[in-house]
Amino acid sequence: MIHIVYMSRAVRPLSDQDLQALLDQCRRDNAARNVTGVLFYSHGNIAQLIEGEKEVLEPLFDVISRDGRHSNVVKLVDKPITARSFEDWSMAFHPLEPSGFEALQGFLLPRHLPPPPSSLSIADAMLVDLVRLAVFGADAAPAEPEPAHA
């Protein structure tokens, strides 16, 4: 089993109806393929973590990367996993405020794991931390804040 994490940019802003249609499609298709994960959207920015069998996810990511609804698709993580992080979620969805998406981008830079900014809502901070744990595991802790210099 593997998981893939990618980020992209919607070619046009997605309405609530667009997002619901996308989510319905993901849930239907992913359930048929035994794919689980989480999808984030914020002001045109998209991030998704998908998990499942390698022989399913690799061709699925090829299809996703060619989908005309988004551009600038960047695969950030593609690695083996021993267990699913989102086992009970055919596809979870959470709209993020812009600051939440910026924090998510920071968490997905493998050698730069900042703590969640205090500006995040509790729900957004928990989701960003959940993705960090899913991608990097329990041993990857956020960076400690730099001490203030006098």
C-alpha atoms as a PDB file:
ATOM      1  CA  MET A   1       0.000   0.000   0.000  1.00  0.00           C
ATOM      2  CA  ILE A   2       1.121   3.579  -0.695  1.00  0.00           C
ATOM      3  CA  HIS A   3      -0.072   7.104  -0.259  1.00  0.00           C
ATOM      4  CA  ILE A   4       0.340  10.016  -2.626  1.00  0.00           C
ATOM      5  CA  VAL A   5       0.053  13.663  -1.663  1.00  0.00           C
ATOM      6  CA  TYR A   6      -0.215  16.369  -4.282  1.00  0.00           C
ATOM      7  CA  MET A   7      -1.103  20.027  -4.574  1.00  0.00           C
ATOM      8  CA  SER A   8      -2.548  21.852  -7.558  1.00  0.00           C
ATOM      9  CA  ARG A   9      -4.343  25.002  -8.614  1.00  0.00           C
ATOM     10  CA  ALA A  10      -7.949  25.037  -9.869  1.00  0.00           C
ATOM     11  CA  VAL A  11      -8.195  26.567 -13.364  1.00  0.00           C
ATOM     12  CA  ARG A  12     -11.197  28.565 -12.111  1.00  0.00           C
ATOM     13  CA  PRO A  13     -12.660  29.105  -8.645  1.00  0.00           C
ATOM     14  CA  LEU A  14     -14.831  26.194  -7.575  1.00  0.00           C
ATOM     15  CA  SER A  15     -18.339  26.952  -6.375  1.00  0.00           C
ATOM     16  CA  ASP A  16     -19.974  24.994  -3.579  1.00  0.00           C
ATOM     17  CA  GLN A  17     -21.839  23.010  -6.259  1.00  0.00           C
ATOM     18  CA  ASP A  18     -18.565  22.293  -8.115  1.00  0.00           C
ATOM     19  CA  LEU A  19     -16.946  21.109  -4.898  1.00  0.00           C
ATOM     20  CA  GLN A  20     -19.914  18.900  -4.048  1.00  0.00           C
ATOM     21  CA  ALA A  21     -19.861  17.343  -7.530  1.00  0.00           C
ATOM     22  CA  LEU A  22     -16.111  16.733  -7.263  1.00  0.00           C
ATOM     23  CA  LEU A  23     -16.505  15.220  -3.817  1.00  0.00           C
ATOM     24  CA  ASP A  24     -19.375  12.984  -4.952  1.00  0.00           C
ATOM     25  CA  GLN A  25     -17.267  11.772  -7.905  1.00  0.00           C
ATOM     26  CA  CYS A  26     -14.232  11.125  -5.669  1.00  0.00           C
ATOM     27  CA  ARG A  27     -16.289   9.224  -3.114  1.00  0.00           C
ATOM     28  CA  ARG A  28     -18.001   7.065  -5.749  1.00  0.00           C
ATOM     29  CA  ASP A  29     -14.824   6.285  -7.697  1.00  0.00           C
ATOM     30  CA  ASN A  30     -12.647   5.828  -4.614  1.00  0.00           C
ATOM     31  CA  ALA A  31     -15.088   3.456  -2.933  1.00  0.00           C
ATOM     32  CA  ALA A  32     -15.040   1.262  -6.060  1.00  0.00           C
ATOM     33  CA  ARG A  33     -11.201   1.244  -6.019  1.00  0.00           C
ATOM     34  CA  ASN A  34     -10.763   0.946  -2.221  1.00  0.00           C
ATOM     35  CA  VAL A  35      -9.025   4.348  -2.138  1.00  0.00           C
ATOM     36  CA  THR A  36      -9.265   6.542   0.958  1.00  0.00           C
ATOM     37  CA  GLY A  37      -7.944   9.992   1.766  1.00  0.00           C
ATOM     38  CA  VAL A  38      -8.633  13.645   2.364  1.00  0.00           C
ATOM     39  CA  LEU A  39      -9.167  16.610   0.024  1.00  0.00           C
ATOM     40  CA  PHE A  40      -8.538  20.238   0.948  1.00  0.00           C
ATOM     41  CA  TYR A  41      -9.649  23.297  -1.015  1.00  0.00           C
ATOM     42  CA  SER A  42      -8.973  26.973  -0.379  1.00  0.00           C
ATOM     43  CA  HIS A  43      -9.465  29.828  -2.819  1.00  0.00           C
ATOM     44  CA  GLY A  44      -8.348  27.844  -5.869  1.00  0.00           C
ATOM     45  CA  ASN A  45      -5.690  25.787  -4.072  1.00  0.00           C
ATOM     46  CA  ILE A  46      -6.181  22.023  -3.915  1.00  0.00           C
ATOM     47  CA  ALA A  47      -4.332  19.475  -1.800  1.00  0.00           C
ATOM     48  CA  GLN A  48      -5.159  15.800  -1.638  1.00  0.00           C
ATOM     49  CA  LEU A  49      -3.805  12.753   0.150  1.00  0.00           C
ATOM     50  CA  ILE A  50      -4.910   9.452  -1.376  1.00  0.00           C
ATOM     51  CA  GLU A  51      -4.039   6.009  -0.068  1.00  0.00           C
ATOM     52  CA  GLY A  52      -4.503   2.532  -1.470  1.00  0.00           C
ATOM     53  CA  GLU A  53      -2.791  -0.190  -3.455  1.00  0.00           C
ATOM     54  CA  LYS A  54       0.113   0.922  -5.642  1.00  0.00           C
ATOM     55  CA  GLU A  55      -1.326  -0.674  -8.791  1.00  0.00           C
ATOM     56  CA  VAL A  56      -4.491   1.416  -8.267  1.00  0.00           C
ATOM     57  CA  LEU A  57      -2.992   4.724  -7.115  1.00  0.00           C
ATOM     58  CA  GLU A  58      -0.276   5.140  -9.740  1.00  0.00           C
ATOM     59  CA  PRO A  59      -2.681   5.072 -12.720  1.00  0.00           C
ATOM     60  CA  LEU A  60      -5.224   7.084 -10.695  1.00  0.00           C
ATOM     61  CA  PHE A  61      -2.655   9.818 -10.086  1.00  0.00           C
ATOM     62  CA  ASP A  62      -1.870   9.870 -13.826  1.00  0.00           C
ATOM     63  CA  VAL A  63      -5.573  10.521 -14.509  1.00  0.00           C
ATOM     64  CA  ILE A  64      -5.744  13.149 -11.733  1.00  0.00           C
ATOM     65  CA  SER A  65      -2.656  14.952 -13.041  1.00  0.00           C
ATOM     66  CA  ARG A  66      -4.231  15.254 -16.528  1.00  0.00           C
ATOM     67  CA  ASP A  67      -7.642  16.422 -15.250  1.00  0.00           C
ATOM     68  CA  GLY A  68      -8.465  19.760 -16.917  1.00  0.00           C
ATOM     69  CA  ARG A  69     -10.118  21.188 -13.793  1.00  0.00           C
ATOM     70  CA  HIS A  70      -6.723  21.975 -12.275  1.00  0.00           C
ATOM     71  CA  SER A  71      -3.161  22.809 -13.292  1.00  0.00           C
ATOM     72  CA  ASN A  72       0.303  22.936 -11.734  1.00  0.00           C
ATOM     73  CA  VAL A  73      -0.143  19.461 -10.248  1.00  0.00           C
ATOM     74  CA  VAL A  74       2.864  18.750  -8.041  1.00  0.00           C
ATOM     75  CA  LYS A  75       3.347  15.355  -6.406  1.00  0.00           C
ATOM     76  CA  LEU A  76       4.843  15.997  -2.982  1.00  0.00           C
ATOM     77  CA  VAL A  77       4.844  12.529  -1.450  1.00  0.00           C
ATOM     78  CA  ASP A  78       4.681   9.027  -2.928  1.00  0.00           C
ATOM     79  CA  LYS A  79       5.685   6.404  -0.405  1.00  0.00           C
ATOM     80  CA  PRO A  80       4.801   2.992   0.988  1.00  0.00           C
ATOM     81  CA  ILE A  81       2.615   2.848   4.082  1.00  0.00           C
ATOM     82  CA  THR A  82       1.820  -0.022   6.426  1.00  0.00           C
ATOM     83  CA  ALA A  83      -1.652   1.209   7.392  1.00  0.00           C
ATOM     84  CA  ARG A  84      -4.184   3.735   6.204  1.00  0.00           C
ATOM     85  CA  SER A  85      -4.462   7.049   8.018  1.00  0.00           C
ATOM     86  CA  PHE A  86      -7.984   7.661   6.679  1.00  0.00           C
ATOM     87  CA  GLU A  87      -9.296   4.091   6.749  1.00  0.00           C
ATOM     88  CA  ASP A  88     -12.931   5.002   7.319  1.00  0.00           C
ATOM     89  CA  TRP A  89     -13.016   7.944   4.901  1.00  0.00           C
ATOM     90  CA  SER A  90     -13.695   7.208   1.230  1.00  0.00           C
ATOM     91  CA  MET A  91     -12.810  10.877   0.804  1.00  0.00           C
ATOM     92  CA  ALA A  92     -12.948  13.417   3.571  1.00  0.00           C
ATOM     93  CA  PHE A  93     -13.280  17.039   2.568  1.00  0.00           C
ATOM     94  CA  HIS A  94     -12.481  20.201   4.431  1.00  0.00           C
ATOM     95  CA  PRO A  95     -12.447  23.743   3.075  1.00  0.00           C
ATOM     96  CA  LEU A  96      -9.537  25.644   4.586  1.00  0.00           C
ATOM     97  CA  GLU A  97      -9.114  29.330   5.211  1.00  0.00           C
ATOM     98  CA  PRO A  98      -6.097  30.740   3.318  1.00  0.00           C
ATOM     99  CA  SER A  99      -3.912  30.622   6.463  1.00  0.00           C
ATOM    100  CA  GLY A 100      -4.779  26.934   6.882  1.00  0.00           C
ATOM    101  CA  PHE A 101      -3.739  26.149   3.329  1.00  0.00           C
ATOM    102  CA  GLU A 102      -0.448  28.032   3.820  1.00  0.00           C
ATOM    103  CA  ALA A 103       0.204  25.943   6.938  1.00  0.00           C
ATOM    104  CA  LEU A 104      -0.643  22.772   5.009  1.00  0.00           C
ATOM    105  CA  GLN A 105       1.836  23.756   2.290  1.00  0.00           C
ATOM    106  CA  GLY A 106       4.484  24.261   4.986  1.00  0.00           C
ATOM    107  CA  PHE A 107       3.782  20.852   6.533  1.00  0.00           C
ATOM    108  CA  LEU A 108       4.196  19.192   3.169  1.00  0.00           C
ATOM    109  CA  LEU A 109       7.748  20.440   2.712  1.00  0.00           C
ATOM    110  CA  PRO A 110       9.566  17.347   4.022  1.00  0.00           C
ATOM    111  CA  ARG A 111      12.426  19.095   5.793  1.00  0.00           C
ATOM    112  CA  HIS A 112      10.417  22.048   7.053  1.00  0.00           C
ATOM    113  CA  LEU A 113       7.762  21.117   9.589  1.00  0.00           C
ATOM    114  CA  PRO A 114       6.636  24.343  11.225  1.00  0.00           C
ATOM    115  CA  PRO A 115       4.187  24.363  14.117  1.00  0.00           C
ATOM    116  CA  PRO A 116       0.673  25.402  13.114  1.00  0.00           C
ATOM    117  CA  PRO A 117       0.285  29.179  13.201  1.00  0.00           C
ATOM    118  CA  SER A 118      -1.815  30.476  16.069  1.00  0.00           C
ATOM    119  CA  SER A 119      -4.097  32.175  13.531  1.00  0.00           C
ATOM    120  CA  LEU A 120      -5.603  28.809  12.529  1.00  0.00           C
ATOM    121  CA  SER A 121      -8.944  27.751  13.884  1.00  0.00           C
ATOM    122  CA  ILE A 122      -8.778  24.722  16.169  1.00  0.00           C
ATOM    123  CA  ALA A 123     -10.424  22.571  13.470  1.00  0.00           C
ATOM    124  CA  ASP A 124      -7.960  23.682  10.765  1.00  0.00           C
ATOM    125  CA  ALA A 125      -4.969  23.193  13.082  1.00  0.00           C
ATOM    126  CA  MET A 126      -6.142  19.669  13.935  1.00  0.00           C
ATOM    127  CA  LEU A 127      -6.620  18.751  10.264  1.00  0.00           C
ATOM    128  CA  VAL A 128      -3.231  20.132   9.271  1.00  0.00           C
ATOM    129  CA  ASP A 129      -1.652  18.174  12.116  1.00  0.00           C
ATOM    130  CA  LEU A 130      -3.542  15.021  11.079  1.00  0.00           C
ATOM    131  CA  VAL A 131      -2.134  15.331   7.551  1.00  0.00           C
ATOM    132  CA  ARG A 132       1.365  15.901   8.975  1.00  0.00           C
ATOM    133  CA  LEU A 133       1.038  12.701  11.013  1.00  0.00           C
ATOM    134  CA  ALA A 134      -0.306  10.761   8.029  1.00  0.00           C
ATOM    135  CA  VAL A 135       2.476  11.935   5.727  1.00  0.00           C
ATOM    136  CA  PHE A 136       5.468  11.877   8.044  1.00  0.00           C
ATOM    137  CA  GLY A 137       4.437   9.601  10.912  1.00  0.00           C
ATOM    138  CA  ALA A 138       4.444  10.101  14.649  1.00  0.00           C
ATOM    139  CA  ASP A 139       8.219  10.588  14.779  1.00  0.00           C
ATOM    140  CA  ALA A 140       8.079  13.810  12.729  1.00  0.00           C
ATOM    141  CA  ALA A 141       7.422  16.619  15.143  1.00  0.00           C
ATOM    142  CA  PRO A 142       6.850  20.244  14.154  1.00  0.00           C
ATOM    143  CA  ALA A 143       9.829  22.528  14.489  1.00  0.00           C
ATOM    144  CA  GLU A 144      10.167  24.324  17.777  1.00  0.00           C
ATOM    145  CA  PRO A 145       9.768  28.098  17.535  1.00  0.00           C
ATOM    146  CA  GLU A 146      13.008  30.022  17.451  1.00  0.00           C
ATOM    147  CA  PRO A 147      13.840  31.614  20.818  1.00  0.00           C
ATOM    148  CA  ALA A 148      13.499  35.381  20.884  1.00  0.00           C
ATOM    149  CA  HIS A 149      16.808  37.235  20.895  1.00  0.00           C
ATOM    150  CA  ALA A 150      17.268  40.154  23.244  1.00  0.00           C
END
